[in-house]
């Protein structure tokens, strides 16, 4: 039973490590420009991959054109802008944390002294 649990842990760890490696290899963990390029590659590769998979499985894609797949949706989304906004928000909150902690401590102390009077 213990061997089964440890093998499950090893398998899950291996899958997680493989996922991180693939994300890094594809440029998803790099800069925003690398992430945008990876998204463009995925959008270009997805329709042919779906067509190949459906033909392998034996499914027919029935559309107006026999071999045409619907186009991938166009995203008006910049990963670099979203990432940078998130990083700026987190860093702003972290830089304000010490002064906010002092303010909250002073307010709490004042409240306690007023309460005990």
PDB file of N, CA and C in Angstrom:
ATOM      1  N   UNK A   1       0.824  -1.188   0.000  1.00  0.00           N
ATOM      2  CA  UNK A   1       0.000   0.000   0.000  1.00  0.00           C
ATOM      3  C   UNK A   1       0.876   1.263   0.000  1.00  0.00           C
ATOM      4  N   UNK A   2       1.960   1.237   0.781  1.00  0.00           N
ATOM      5  CA  UNK A   2       2.858   2.392   0.830  1.00  0.00           C
ATOM      6  C   UNK A   2       3.581   2.567  -0.501  1.00  0.00           C
ATOM      7  N   UNK A   3       3.898   1.465  -1.154  1.00  0.00           N
ATOM      8  CA  UNK A   3       4.567   1.554  -2.460  1.00  0.00           C
ATOM      9  C   UNK A   3       3.635   2.165  -3.485  1.00  0.00           C
ATOM     10  N   UNK A   4       2.350   1.851  -3.407  1.00  0.00           N
ATOM     11  CA  UNK A   4       1.377   2.418  -4.329  1.00  0.00           C
ATOM     12  C   UNK A   4       1.262   3.933  -4.139  1.00  0.00           C
ATOM     13  N   UNK A   5       1.237   4.374  -2.880  1.00  0.00           N
ATOM     14  CA  UNK A   5       1.148   5.803  -2.592  1.00  0.00           C
ATOM     15  C   UNK A   5       2.384   6.544  -3.073  1.00  0.00           C
ATOM     16  N   UNK A   6       3.552   5.951  -2.838  1.00  0.00           N
ATOM     17  CA  UNK A   6       4.774   6.629  -3.264  1.00  0.00           C
ATOM     18  C   UNK A   6       4.884   6.644  -4.788  1.00  0.00           C
ATOM     19  N   UNK A   7       4.422   5.583  -5.450  1.00  0.00           N
ATOM     20  CA  UNK A   7       4.480   5.586  -6.921  1.00  0.00           C
ATOM     21  C   UNK A   7       3.506   6.615  -7.480  1.00  0.00           C
ATOM     22  N   UNK A   8       2.351   6.806  -6.837  1.00  0.00           N
ATOM     23  CA  UNK A   8       1.418   7.858  -7.274  1.00  0.00           C
ATOM     24  C   UNK A   8       2.064   9.225  -7.144  1.00  0.00           C
ATOM     25  N   UNK A   9       2.771   9.440  -6.049  1.00  0.00           N
ATOM     26  CA  UNK A   9       3.463  10.711  -5.832  1.00  0.00           C
ATOM     27  C   UNK A   9       4.519  10.943  -6.903  1.00  0.00           C
ATOM     28  N   UNK A  10       5.280   9.920  -7.225  1.00  0.00           N
ATOM     29  CA  UNK A  10       6.329  10.034  -8.241  1.00  0.00           C
ATOM     30  C   UNK A  10       5.716  10.314  -9.608  1.00  0.00           C
ATOM     31  N   UNK A  11       4.635   9.632  -9.935  1.00  0.00           N
ATOM     32  CA  UNK A  11       3.980   9.851 -11.229  1.00  0.00           C
ATOM     33  C   UNK A  11       3.432  11.270 -11.322  1.00  0.00           C
ATOM     34  N   UNK A  12       2.763  11.730 -10.284  1.00  0.00           N
ATOM     35  CA  UNK A  12       2.215  13.090 -10.289  1.00  0.00           C
ATOM     36  C   UNK A  12       3.333  14.124 -10.361  1.00  0.00           C
ATOM     37  N   UNK A  13       4.407  13.907  -9.629  1.00  0.00           N
ATOM     38  CA  UNK A  13       5.544  14.823  -9.688  1.00  0.00           C
ATOM     39  C   UNK A  13       6.175  14.849 -11.068  1.00  0.00           C
ATOM     40  N   UNK A  14       6.264  13.693 -11.702  1.00  0.00           N
ATOM     41  CA  UNK A  14       6.832  13.623 -13.048  1.00  0.00           C
ATOM     42  C   UNK A  14       5.960  14.368 -14.045  1.00  0.00           C
ATOM     43  N   UNK A  15       4.635  14.207 -13.939  1.00  0.00           N
ATOM     44  CA  UNK A  15       3.726  14.923 -14.841  1.00  0.00           C
ATOM     45  C   UNK A  15       3.810  16.436 -14.629  1.00  0.00           C
ATOM     46  N   UNK A  16       3.895  16.848 -13.373  1.00  0.00           N
ATOM     47  CA  UNK A  16       4.016  18.283 -13.091  1.00  0.00           C
ATOM     48  C   UNK A  16       5.336  18.823 -13.634  1.00  0.00           C
ATOM     49  N   UNK A  17       6.406  18.081 -13.447  1.00  0.00           N
ATOM     50  CA  UNK A  17       7.699  18.507 -13.980  1.00  0.00           C
ATOM     51  C   UNK A  17       7.688  18.573 -15.500  1.00  0.00           C
ATOM     52  N   UNK A  18       7.039  17.604 -16.132  1.00  0.00           N
ATOM     53  CA  UNK A  18       6.952  17.616 -17.598  1.00  0.00           C
ATOM     54  C   UNK A  18       6.142  18.807 -18.078  1.00  0.00           C
ATOM     55  N   UNK A  19       5.069  19.141 -17.371  1.00  0.00           N
ATOM     56  CA  UNK A  19       4.254  20.292 -17.758  1.00  0.00           C
ATOM     57  C   UNK A  19       5.048  21.588 -17.646  1.00  0.00           C
ATOM     58  N   UNK A  20       5.814  21.728 -16.575  1.00  0.00           N
ATOM     59  CA  UNK A  20       6.638  22.927 -16.413  1.00  0.00           C
ATOM     60  C   UNK A  20       7.712  22.981 -17.498  1.00  0.00           C
ATOM     61  N   UNK A  21       8.313  21.836 -17.820  1.00  0.00           N
ATOM     62  CA  UNK A  21       9.335  21.805 -18.864  1.00  0.00           C
ATOM     63  C   UNK A  21       8.749  22.206 -20.214  1.00  0.00           C
ATOM     64  N   UNK A  22       7.580  21.677 -20.551  1.00  0.00           N
ATOM     65  CA  UNK A  22       6.959  22.017 -21.841  1.00  0.00           C
ATOM     66  C   UNK A  22       6.605  23.501 -21.879  1.00  0.00           C
ATOM     67  N   UNK A  23       6.070  24.030 -20.775  1.00  0.00           N
ATOM     68  CA  UNK A  23       5.739  25.454 -20.728  1.00  0.00           C
ATOM     69  C   UNK A  23       6.992  26.301 -20.902  1.00  0.00           C
ATOM     70  N   UNK A  24       8.071  25.918 -20.267  1.00  0.00           N
ATOM     71  CA  UNK A  24       9.330  26.660 -20.405  1.00  0.00           C
ATOM     72  C   UNK A  24       9.889  26.524 -21.818  1.00  0.00           C
ATOM     73  N   UNK A  25       9.837  25.318 -22.364  1.00  0.00           N
ATOM     74  CA  UNK A  25      10.366  25.063 -23.700  1.00  0.00           C
ATOM     75  C   UNK A  25       9.604  25.850 -24.763  1.00  0.00           C
ATOM     76  N   UNK A  26       8.301  26.033 -24.572  1.00  0.00           N
ATOM     77  CA  UNK A  26       7.485  26.756 -25.543  1.00  0.00           C
ATOM     78  C   UNK A  26       7.556  28.271 -25.340  1.00  0.00           C
ATOM     79  N   UNK A  27       8.228  28.730 -24.311  1.00  0.00           N
ATOM     80  CA  UNK A  27       8.388  30.161 -24.081  1.00  0.00           C
ATOM     81  C   UNK A  27       7.283  30.776 -23.253  1.00  0.00           C
ATOM     82  N   UNK A  28       6.454  29.966 -22.614  1.00  0.00           N
ATOM     83  CA  UNK A  28       5.351  30.508 -21.833  1.00  0.00           C
ATOM     84  C   UNK A  28       5.812  31.123 -20.516  1.00  0.00           C
ATOM     85  N   UNK A  29       6.980  30.741 -20.039  1.00  0.00           N
ATOM     86  CA  UNK A  29       7.479  31.281 -18.780  1.00  0.00           C
ATOM     87  C   UNK A  29       8.459  32.420 -18.998  1.00  0.00           C
ATOM     88  N   UNK A  30       8.623  32.821 -20.234  1.00  0.00           N
ATOM     89  CA  UNK A  30       9.550  33.898 -20.555  1.00  0.00           C
ATOM     90  C   UNK A  30       8.855  35.243 -20.520  1.00  0.00           C
ATOM     91  N   UNK A  31       9.318  36.131 -21.370  1.00  0.00           N
ATOM     92  CA  UNK A  31       8.751  37.475 -21.417  1.00  0.00           C
ATOM     93  C   UNK A  31       7.372  37.445 -22.065  1.00  0.00           C
ATOM     94  N   UNK A  32       6.686  38.570 -22.027  1.00  0.00           N
ATOM     95  CA  UNK A  32       5.364  38.667 -22.633  1.00  0.00           C
ATOM     96  C   UNK A  32       5.411  38.459 -24.130  1.00  0.00           C
ATOM     97  N   UNK A  33       6.485  38.911 -24.768  1.00  0.00           N
ATOM     98  CA  UNK A  33       6.617  38.725 -26.215  1.00  0.00           C
ATOM     99  C   UNK A  33       6.741  37.245 -26.553  1.00  0.00           C
ATOM    100  N   UNK A  34       7.469  36.501 -25.723  1.00  0.00           N
ATOM    101  CA  UNK A  34       7.593  35.057 -25.951  1.00  0.00           C
ATOM    102  C   UNK A  34       6.256  34.362 -25.738  1.00  0.00           C
ATOM    103  N   UNK A  35       5.484  34.798 -24.752  1.00  0.00           N
ATOM    104  CA  UNK A  35       4.159  34.232 -24.515  1.00  0.00           C
ATOM    105  C   UNK A  35       3.212  34.520 -25.668  1.00  0.00           C
ATOM    106  N   UNK A  36       3.274  35.743 -26.208  1.00  0.00           N
ATOM    107  CA  UNK A  36       2.433  36.098 -27.351  1.00  0.00           C
ATOM    108  C   UNK A  36       2.808  35.271 -28.572  1.00  0.00           C
ATOM    109  N   UNK A  37       4.106  35.052 -28.758  1.00  0.00           N
ATOM    110  CA  UNK A  37       4.561  34.225 -29.884  1.00  0.00           C
ATOM    111  C   UNK A  37       4.084  32.781 -29.719  1.00  0.00           C
ATOM    112  N   UNK A  38       4.123  32.258 -28.505  1.00  0.00           N
ATOM    113  CA  UNK A  38       3.633  30.900 -28.253  1.00  0.00           C
ATOM    114  C   UNK A  38       2.134  30.805 -28.529  1.00  0.00           C
ATOM    115  N   UNK A  39       1.375  31.843 -28.178  1.00  0.00           N
ATOM    116  CA  UNK A  39      -0.055  31.863 -28.464  1.00  0.00           C
ATOM    117  C   UNK A  39      -0.307  31.867 -29.965  1.00  0.00           C
ATOM    118  N   UNK A  40       0.467  32.654 -30.711  1.00  0.00           N
ATOM    119  CA  UNK A  40       0.326  32.674 -32.178  1.00  0.00           C
ATOM    120  C   UNK A  40       0.637  31.302 -32.764  1.00  0.00           C
ATOM    121  N   UNK A  41       1.674  30.644 -32.250  1.00  0.00           N
ATOM    122  CA  UNK A  41       2.017  29.298 -32.739  1.00  0.00           C
ATOM    123  C   UNK A  41       0.889  28.318 -32.458  1.00  0.00           C
ATOM    124  N   UNK A  42       0.301  28.410 -31.269  1.00  0.00           N
ATOM    125  CA  UNK A  42      -0.795  27.502 -30.913  1.00  0.00           C
ATOM    126  C   UNK A  42      -2.015  27.739 -31.795  1.00  0.00           C
ATOM    127  N   UNK A  43      -2.326  29.010 -32.074  1.00  0.00           N
ATOM    128  CA  UNK A  43      -3.465  29.320 -32.932  1.00  0.00           C
ATOM    129  C   UNK A  43      -3.238  28.816 -34.351  1.00  0.00           C
ATOM    130  N   UNK A  44      -1.997  28.834 -34.812  1.00  0.00           N
ATOM    131  CA  UNK A  44      -1.699  28.356 -36.157  1.00  0.00           C
ATOM    132  C   UNK A  44      -1.695  26.829 -36.220  1.00  0.00           C
ATOM    133  N   UNK A  45      -1.300  26.169 -35.142  1.00  0.00           N
ATOM    134  CA  UNK A  45      -1.160  24.713 -35.159  1.00  0.00           C
ATOM    135  C   UNK A  45      -2.436  23.972 -34.787  1.00  0.00           C
ATOM    136  N   UNK A  46      -3.376  24.627 -34.129  1.00  0.00           N
ATOM    137  CA  UNK A  46      -4.553  23.933 -33.640  1.00  0.00           C
ATOM    138  C   UNK A  46      -5.463  23.382 -34.738  1.00  0.00           C
ATOM    139  N   UNK A  47      -5.878  24.151 -35.744  1.00  0.00           N
ATOM    140  CA  UNK A  47      -6.776  23.579 -36.767  1.00  0.00           C
ATOM    141  C   UNK A  47      -6.191  22.379 -37.512  1.00  0.00           C
ATOM    142  N   UNK A  48      -4.920  22.407 -37.962  1.00  0.00           N
ATOM    143  CA  UNK A  48      -4.387  21.204 -38.613  1.00  0.00           C
ATOM    144  C   UNK A  48      -4.323  20.000 -37.665  1.00  0.00           C
ATOM    145  N   UNK A  49      -4.026  20.234 -36.402  1.00  0.00           N
ATOM    146  CA  UNK A  49      -3.951  19.135 -35.444  1.00  0.00           C
ATOM    147  C   UNK A  49      -5.329  18.515 -35.220  1.00  0.00           C
ATOM    148  N   UNK A  50      -6.355  19.342 -35.134  1.00  0.00           N
ATOM    149  CA  UNK A  50      -7.712  18.820 -34.965  1.00  0.00           C
ATOM    150  C   UNK A  50      -8.127  18.021 -36.191  1.00  0.00           C
ATOM    151  N   UNK A  51      -7.816  18.536 -37.370  1.00  0.00           N
ATOM    152  CA  UNK A  51      -8.161  17.823 -38.599  1.00  0.00           C
ATOM    153  C   UNK A  51      -7.445  16.473 -38.667  1.00  0.00           C
ATOM    154  N   UNK A  52      -6.175  16.468 -38.312  1.00  0.00           N
ATOM    155  CA  UNK A  52      -5.421  15.213 -38.323  1.00  0.00           C
ATOM    156  C   UNK A  52      -5.993  14.221 -37.316  1.00  0.00           C
ATOM    157  N   UNK A  53      -6.346  14.698 -36.133  1.00  0.00           N
ATOM    158  CA  UNK A  53      -6.892  13.823 -35.099  1.00  0.00           C
ATOM    159  C   UNK A  53      -8.245  13.257 -35.524  1.00  0.00           C
ATOM    160  N   UNK A  54      -9.117  14.105 -36.082  1.00  0.00           N
ATOM    161  CA  UNK A  54     -10.433  13.614 -36.496  1.00  0.00           C
ATOM    162  C   UNK A  54     -10.317  12.625 -37.642  1.00  0.00           C
ATOM    163  N   UNK A  55      -9.377  12.825 -38.537  1.00  0.00           N
ATOM    164  CA  UNK A  55      -9.213  11.862 -39.625  1.00  0.00           C
ATOM    165  C   UNK A  55      -8.611  10.557 -39.096  1.00  0.00           C
ATOM    166  N   UNK A  56      -7.757  10.628 -38.088  1.00  0.00           N
ATOM    167  CA  UNK A  56      -7.175   9.421 -37.494  1.00  0.00           C
ATOM    168  C   UNK A  56      -8.246   8.602 -36.785  1.00  0.00           C
ATOM    169  N   UNK A  57      -9.129   9.280 -36.046  1.00  0.00           N
ATOM    170  CA  UNK A  57     -10.174   8.604 -35.304  1.00  0.00           C
ATOM    171  C   UNK A  57     -11.260   8.091 -36.246  1.00  0.00           C
ATOM    172  N   UNK A  58     -11.411   8.734 -37.393  1.00  0.00           N
ATOM    173  CA  UNK A  58     -12.417   8.308 -38.346  1.00  0.00           C
ATOM    174  C   UNK A  58     -13.655   9.165 -38.336  1.00  0.00           C
ATOM    175  N   UNK A  59     -13.612  10.270 -37.634  1.00  0.00           N
ATOM    176  CA  UNK A  59     -14.749  11.169 -37.617  1.00  0.00           C
ATOM    177  C   UNK A  59     -14.708  12.030 -38.857  1.00  0.00           C
ATOM    178  N   UNK A  60     -15.858  12.391 -39.313  1.00  0.00           N
ATOM    179  CA  UNK A  60     -15.932  13.308 -40.441  1.00  0.00           C
ATOM    180  C   UNK A  60     -16.292  14.682 -39.916  1.00  0.00           C
ATOM    181  N   UNK A  61     -15.622  15.669 -40.425  1.00  0.00           N
ATOM    182  CA  UNK A  61     -15.940  17.045 -40.063  1.00  0.00           C
ATOM    183  C   UNK A  61     -16.935  17.529 -41.104  1.00  0.00           C
ATOM    184  N   UNK A  62     -18.175  17.731 -40.675  1.00  0.00           N
ATOM    185  CA  UNK A  62     -19.223  18.117 -41.612  1.00  0.00           C
ATOM    186  C   UNK A  62     -19.496  19.597 -41.471  1.00  0.00           C
ATOM    187  N   UNK A  63     -19.017  20.345 -42.419  1.00  0.00           N
ATOM    188  CA  UNK A  63     -19.272  21.776 -42.497  1.00  0.00           C
ATOM    189  C   UNK A  63     -19.714  22.083 -43.916  1.00  0.00           C
ATOM    190  N   UNK A  64     -19.826  23.342 -44.223  1.00  0.00           N
ATOM    191  CA  UNK A  64     -20.220  23.726 -45.572  1.00  0.00           C
ATOM    192  C   UNK A  64     -19.194  23.210 -46.584  1.00  0.00           C
ATOM    193  N   UNK A  65     -17.934  23.264 -46.206  1.00  0.00           N
ATOM    194  CA  UNK A  65     -16.866  22.713 -47.037  1.00  0.00           C
ATOM    195  C   UNK A  65     -16.409  21.429 -46.366  1.00  0.00           C
ATOM    196  N   UNK A  66     -16.230  20.395 -47.129  1.00  0.00           N
ATOM    197  CA  UNK A  66     -15.966  19.075 -46.558  1.00  0.00           C
ATOM    198  C   UNK A  66     -14.727  19.043 -45.680  1.00  0.00           C
ATOM    199  N   UNK A  67     -13.643  19.708 -46.059  1.00  0.00           N
ATOM    200  CA  UNK A  67     -12.402  19.616 -45.300  1.00  0.00           C
ATOM    201  C   UNK A  67     -12.075  20.888 -44.528  1.00  0.00           C
ATOM    202  N   UNK A  68     -13.012  21.812 -44.435  1.00  0.00           N
ATOM    203  CA  UNK A  68     -12.729  23.083 -43.758  1.00  0.00           C
ATOM    204  C   UNK A  68     -13.134  23.005 -42.287  1.00  0.00           C
ATOM    205  N   UNK A  69     -12.328  23.553 -41.456  1.00  0.00           N
ATOM    206  CA  UNK A  69     -12.631  23.659 -40.032  1.00  0.00           C
ATOM    207  C   UNK A  69     -12.963  25.109 -39.726  1.00  0.00           C
ATOM    208  N   UNK A  70     -13.749  25.345 -38.710  1.00  0.00           N
ATOM    209  CA  UNK A  70     -14.010  26.736 -38.341  1.00  0.00           C
ATOM    210  C   UNK A  70     -12.710  27.415 -37.912  1.00  0.00           C
ATOM    211  N   UNK A  71     -12.645  28.695 -38.184  1.00  0.00           N
ATOM    212  CA  UNK A  71     -11.422  29.407 -37.834  1.00  0.00           C
ATOM    213  C   UNK A  71     -11.324  29.569 -36.323  1.00  0.00           C
ATOM    214  N   UNK A  72     -10.107  29.700 -35.859  1.00  0.00           N
ATOM    215  CA  UNK A  72      -9.910  29.915 -34.430  1.00  0.00           C
ATOM    216  C   UNK A  72     -10.333  31.327 -34.085  1.00  0.00           C
ATOM    217  N   UNK A  73     -10.858  31.520 -32.889  1.00  0.00           N
ATOM    218  CA  UNK A  73     -11.284  32.872 -32.512  1.00  0.00           C
ATOM    219  C   UNK A  73     -10.080  33.804 -32.408  1.00  0.00           C
ATOM    220  N   UNK A  74     -10.302  35.037 -32.767  1.00  0.00           N
ATOM    221  CA  UNK A  74      -9.246  36.048 -32.695  1.00  0.00           C
ATOM    222  C   UNK A  74      -9.294  36.693 -31.317  1.00  0.00           C
ATOM    223  N   UNK A  75      -8.168  36.692 -30.659  1.00  0.00           N
ATOM    224  CA  UNK A  75      -8.067  37.276 -29.324  1.00  0.00           C
ATOM    225  C   UNK A  75      -7.448  38.657 -29.429  1.00  0.00           C
ATOM    226  N   UNK A  76      -8.114  39.628 -28.839  1.00  0.00           N
ATOM    227  CA  UNK A  76      -7.521  40.951 -28.724  1.00  0.00           C
ATOM    228  C   UNK A  76      -7.007  41.060 -27.288  1.00  0.00           C
ATOM    229  N   UNK A  77      -5.957  40.309 -27.031  1.00  0.00           N
ATOM    230  CA  UNK A  77      -5.449  40.157 -25.670  1.00  0.00           C
ATOM    231  C   UNK A  77      -3.940  40.177 -25.721  1.00  0.00           C
ATOM    232  N   UNK A  78      -3.356  41.028 -24.931  1.00  0.00           N
ATOM    233  CA  UNK A  78      -1.905  41.101 -24.876  1.00  0.00           C
ATOM    234  C   UNK A  78      -1.431  40.495 -23.560  1.00  0.00           C
ATOM    235  N   UNK A  79      -0.808  39.308 -23.612  1.00  0.00           N
ATOM    236  CA  UNK A  79      -0.323  38.699 -22.365  1.00  0.00           C
ATOM    237  C   UNK A  79       0.693  39.582 -21.655  1.00  0.00           C
ATOM    238  N   UNK A  80       1.518  40.281 -22.425  1.00  0.00           N
ATOM    239  CA  UNK A  80       2.541  41.105 -21.775  1.00  0.00           C
ATOM    240  C   UNK A  80       1.923  42.266 -21.005  1.00  0.00           C
ATOM    241  N   UNK A  81       0.867  42.893 -21.557  1.00  0.00           N
ATOM    242  CA  UNK A  81       0.224  43.993 -20.842  1.00  0.00           C
ATOM    243  C   UNK A  81      -0.442  43.505 -19.563  1.00  0.00           C
ATOM    244  N   UNK A  82      -1.126  42.368 -19.656  1.00  0.00           N
ATOM    245  CA  UNK A  82      -1.798  41.829 -18.471  1.00  0.00           C
ATOM    246  C   UNK A  82      -0.778  41.413 -17.415  1.00  0.00           C
ATOM    247  N   UNK A  83       0.278  40.760 -17.846  1.00  0.00           N
ATOM    248  CA  UNK A  83       1.311  40.318 -16.911  1.00  0.00           C
ATOM    249  C   UNK A  83       1.946  41.520 -16.239  1.00  0.00           C
ATOM    250  N   UNK A  84       2.306  42.528 -17.032  1.00  0.00           N
ATOM    251  CA  UNK A  84       2.962  43.702 -16.464  1.00  0.00           C
ATOM    252  C   UNK A  84       2.037  44.430 -15.495  1.00  0.00           C
ATOM    253  N   UNK A  85       0.744  44.521 -15.804  1.00  0.00           N
ATOM    254  CA  UNK A  85      -0.206  45.178 -14.903  1.00  0.00           C
ATOM    255  C   UNK A  85      -0.291  44.408 -13.587  1.00  0.00           C
ATOM    256  N   UNK A  86      -0.317  43.086 -13.660  1.00  0.00           N
ATOM    257  CA  UNK A  86      -0.364  42.278 -12.451  1.00  0.00           C
ATOM    258  C   UNK A  86       0.884  42.439 -11.601  1.00  0.00           C
ATOM    259  N   UNK A  87       2.041  42.435 -12.252  1.00  0.00           N
ATOM    260  CA  UNK A  87       3.306  42.601 -11.532  1.00  0.00           C
ATOM    261  C   UNK A  87       3.358  43.978 -10.886  1.00  0.00           C
ATOM    262  N   UNK A  88       2.917  45.009 -11.616  1.00  0.00           N
ATOM    263  CA  UNK A  88       2.928  46.363 -11.062  1.00  0.00           C
ATOM    264  C   UNK A  88       1.997  46.468  -9.852  1.00  0.00           C
ATOM    265  N   UNK A  89       0.832  45.830  -9.927  1.00  0.00           N
ATOM    266  CA  UNK A  89      -0.114  45.869  -8.807  1.00  0.00           C
ATOM    267  C   UNK A  89       0.463  45.185  -7.575  1.00  0.00           C
ATOM    268  N   UNK A  90       1.055  44.018  -7.770  1.00  0.00           N
ATOM    269  CA  UNK A  90       1.632  43.277  -6.644  1.00  0.00           C
ATOM    270  C   UNK A  90       2.798  44.059  -6.040  1.00  0.00           C
ATOM    271  N   UNK A  91       3.681  44.589  -6.875  1.00  0.00           N
ATOM    272  CA  UNK A  91       4.828  45.331  -6.359  1.00  0.00           C
ATOM    273  C   UNK A  91       4.382  46.613  -5.658  1.00  0.00           C
ATOM    274  N   UNK A  92       3.343  47.248  -6.160  1.00  0.00           N
ATOM    275  CA  UNK A  92       2.825  48.448  -5.504  1.00  0.00           C
ATOM    276  C   UNK A  92       2.287  48.103  -4.123  1.00  0.00           C
ATOM    277  N   UNK A  93       1.543  46.995  -4.037  1.00  0.00           N
ATOM    278  CA  UNK A  93       1.009  46.585  -2.739  1.00  0.00           C
ATOM    279  C   UNK A  93       2.125  46.216  -1.776  1.00  0.00           C
ATOM    280  N   UNK A  94       3.152  45.524  -2.265  1.00  0.00           N
ATOM    281  CA  UNK A  94       4.268  45.143  -1.396  1.00  0.00           C
ATOM    282  C   UNK A  94       5.074  46.350  -0.939  1.00  0.00           C
ATOM    283  N   UNK A  95       5.233  47.341  -1.815  1.00  0.00           N
ATOM    284  CA  UNK A  95       6.007  48.513  -1.411  1.00  0.00           C
ATOM    285  C   UNK A  95       5.239  49.375  -0.419  1.00  0.00           C
ATOM    286  N   UNK A  96       3.907  49.342  -0.479  1.00  0.00           N
ATOM    287  CA  UNK A  96       3.105  50.129   0.457  1.00  0.00           C
ATOM    288  C   UNK A  96       2.844  49.382   1.764  1.00  0.00           C
ATOM    289  N   UNK A  97       3.154  48.113   1.826  1.00  0.00           N
ATOM    290  CA  UNK A  97       2.825  47.295   2.995  1.00  0.00           C
ATOM    291  C   UNK A  97       3.457  47.803   4.303  1.00  0.00           C
ATOM    292  N   UNK A  98       4.742  48.157   4.338  1.00  0.00           N
ATOM    293  CA  UNK A  98       5.305  48.610   5.622  1.00  0.00           C
ATOM    294  C   UNK A  98       4.632  49.865   6.161  1.00  0.00           C
ATOM    295  N   UNK A  99       4.397  50.860   5.313  1.00  0.00           N
ATOM    296  CA  UNK A  99       3.761  52.089   5.795  1.00  0.00           C
ATOM    297  C   UNK A  99       2.316  51.826   6.205  1.00  0.00           C
ATOM    298  N   UNK A 100       1.617  50.960   5.446  1.00  0.00           N
ATOM    299  CA  UNK A 100       0.237  50.610   5.817  1.00  0.00           C
ATOM    300  C   UNK A 100       0.211  49.879   7.152  1.00  0.00           C
ATOM    301  N   UNK A 101       1.175  49.007   7.377  1.00  0.00           N
ATOM    302  CA  UNK A 101       1.230  48.281   8.645  1.00  0.00           C
ATOM    303  C   UNK A 101       1.428  49.255   9.797  1.00  0.00           C
ATOM    304  N   UNK A 102       2.284  50.255   9.611  1.00  0.00           N
ATOM    305  CA  UNK A 102       2.495  51.262  10.666  1.00  0.00           C
ATOM    306  C   UNK A 102       1.223  52.060  10.904  1.00  0.00           C
ATOM    307  N   UNK A 103       0.524  52.436   9.810  1.00  0.00           N
ATOM    308  CA  UNK A 103      -0.722  53.185   9.958  1.00  0.00           C
ATOM    309  C   UNK A 103      -1.764  52.361  10.710  1.00  0.00           C
ATOM    310  N   UNK A 104      -1.933  51.115  10.320  1.00  0.00           N
ATOM    311  CA  UNK A 104      -2.927  50.261  10.971  1.00  0.00           C
ATOM    312  C   UNK A 104      -2.562  50.001  12.429  1.00  0.00           C
ATOM    313  N   UNK A 105      -1.279  49.850  12.716  1.00  0.00           N
ATOM    314  CA  UNK A 105      -0.849  49.651  14.098  1.00  0.00           C
ATOM    315  C   UNK A 105      -1.160  50.887  14.936  1.00  0.00           C
ATOM    316  N   UNK A 106      -0.877  52.075  14.385  1.00  0.00           N
ATOM    317  CA  UNK A 106      -1.161  53.319  15.107  1.00  0.00           C
ATOM    318  C   UNK A 106      -2.665  53.469  15.338  1.00  0.00           C
ATOM    319  N   UNK A 107      -3.473  53.162  14.322  1.00  0.00           N
ATOM    320  CA  UNK A 107      -4.924  53.257  14.480  1.00  0.00           C
ATOM    321  C   UNK A 107      -5.414  52.258  15.537  1.00  0.00           C
ATOM    322  N   UNK A 108      -4.888  51.046  15.506  1.00  0.00           N
ATOM    323  CA  UNK A 108      -5.282  50.040  16.493  1.00  0.00           C
ATOM    324  C   UNK A 108      -4.887  50.439  17.899  1.00  0.00           C
ATOM    325  N   UNK A 109      -3.692  50.978  18.043  1.00  0.00           N
ATOM    326  CA  UNK A 109      -3.222  51.414  19.357  1.00  0.00           C
ATOM    327  C   UNK A 109      -4.080  52.560  19.881  1.00  0.00           C
ATOM    328  N   UNK A 110      -4.418  53.493  18.993  1.00  0.00           N
ATOM    329  CA  UNK A 110      -5.263  54.624  19.381  1.00  0.00           C
ATOM    330  C   UNK A 110      -6.639  54.121  19.797  1.00  0.00           C
ATOM    331  N   UNK A 111      -7.193  53.167  19.058  1.00  0.00           N
ATOM    332  CA  UNK A 111      -8.497  52.605  19.395  1.00  0.00           C
ATOM    333  C   UNK A 111      -8.463  51.937  20.766  1.00  0.00           C
ATOM    334  N   UNK A 112      -7.403  51.178  21.032  1.00  0.00           N
ATOM    335  CA  UNK A 112      -7.294  50.506  22.331  1.00  0.00           C
ATOM    336  C   UNK A 112      -7.153  51.503  23.462  1.00  0.00           C
ATOM    337  N   UNK A 113      -6.340  52.537  23.278  1.00  0.00           N
ATOM    338  CA  UNK A 113      -6.167  53.537  24.353  1.00  0.00           C
ATOM    339  C   UNK A 113      -7.476  54.293  24.584  1.00  0.00           C
ATOM    340  N   UNK A 114      -8.209  54.606  23.511  1.00  0.00           N
ATOM    341  CA  UNK A 114      -9.506  55.285  23.685  1.00  0.00           C
ATOM    342  C   UNK A 114     -10.507  54.371  24.372  1.00  0.00           C
ATOM    343  N   UNK A 115     -10.432  53.076  24.064  1.00  0.00           N
ATOM    344  CA  UNK A 115     -11.347  52.092  24.642  1.00  0.00           C
ATOM    345  C   UNK A 115     -11.083  51.921  26.150  1.00  0.00           C
ATOM    346  N   UNK A 116      -9.826  51.985  26.546  1.00  0.00           N
ATOM    347  CA  UNK A 116      -9.474  51.777  27.951  1.00  0.00           C
ATOM    348  C   UNK A 116      -9.615  53.008  28.810  1.00  0.00           C
ATOM    349  N   UNK A 117      -9.872  54.157  28.233  1.00  0.00           N
ATOM    350  CA  UNK A 117     -10.016  55.396  29.014  1.00  0.00           C
ATOM    351  C   UNK A 117     -11.288  55.414  29.799  1.00  0.00           C
TER     352      UNK A 117
END
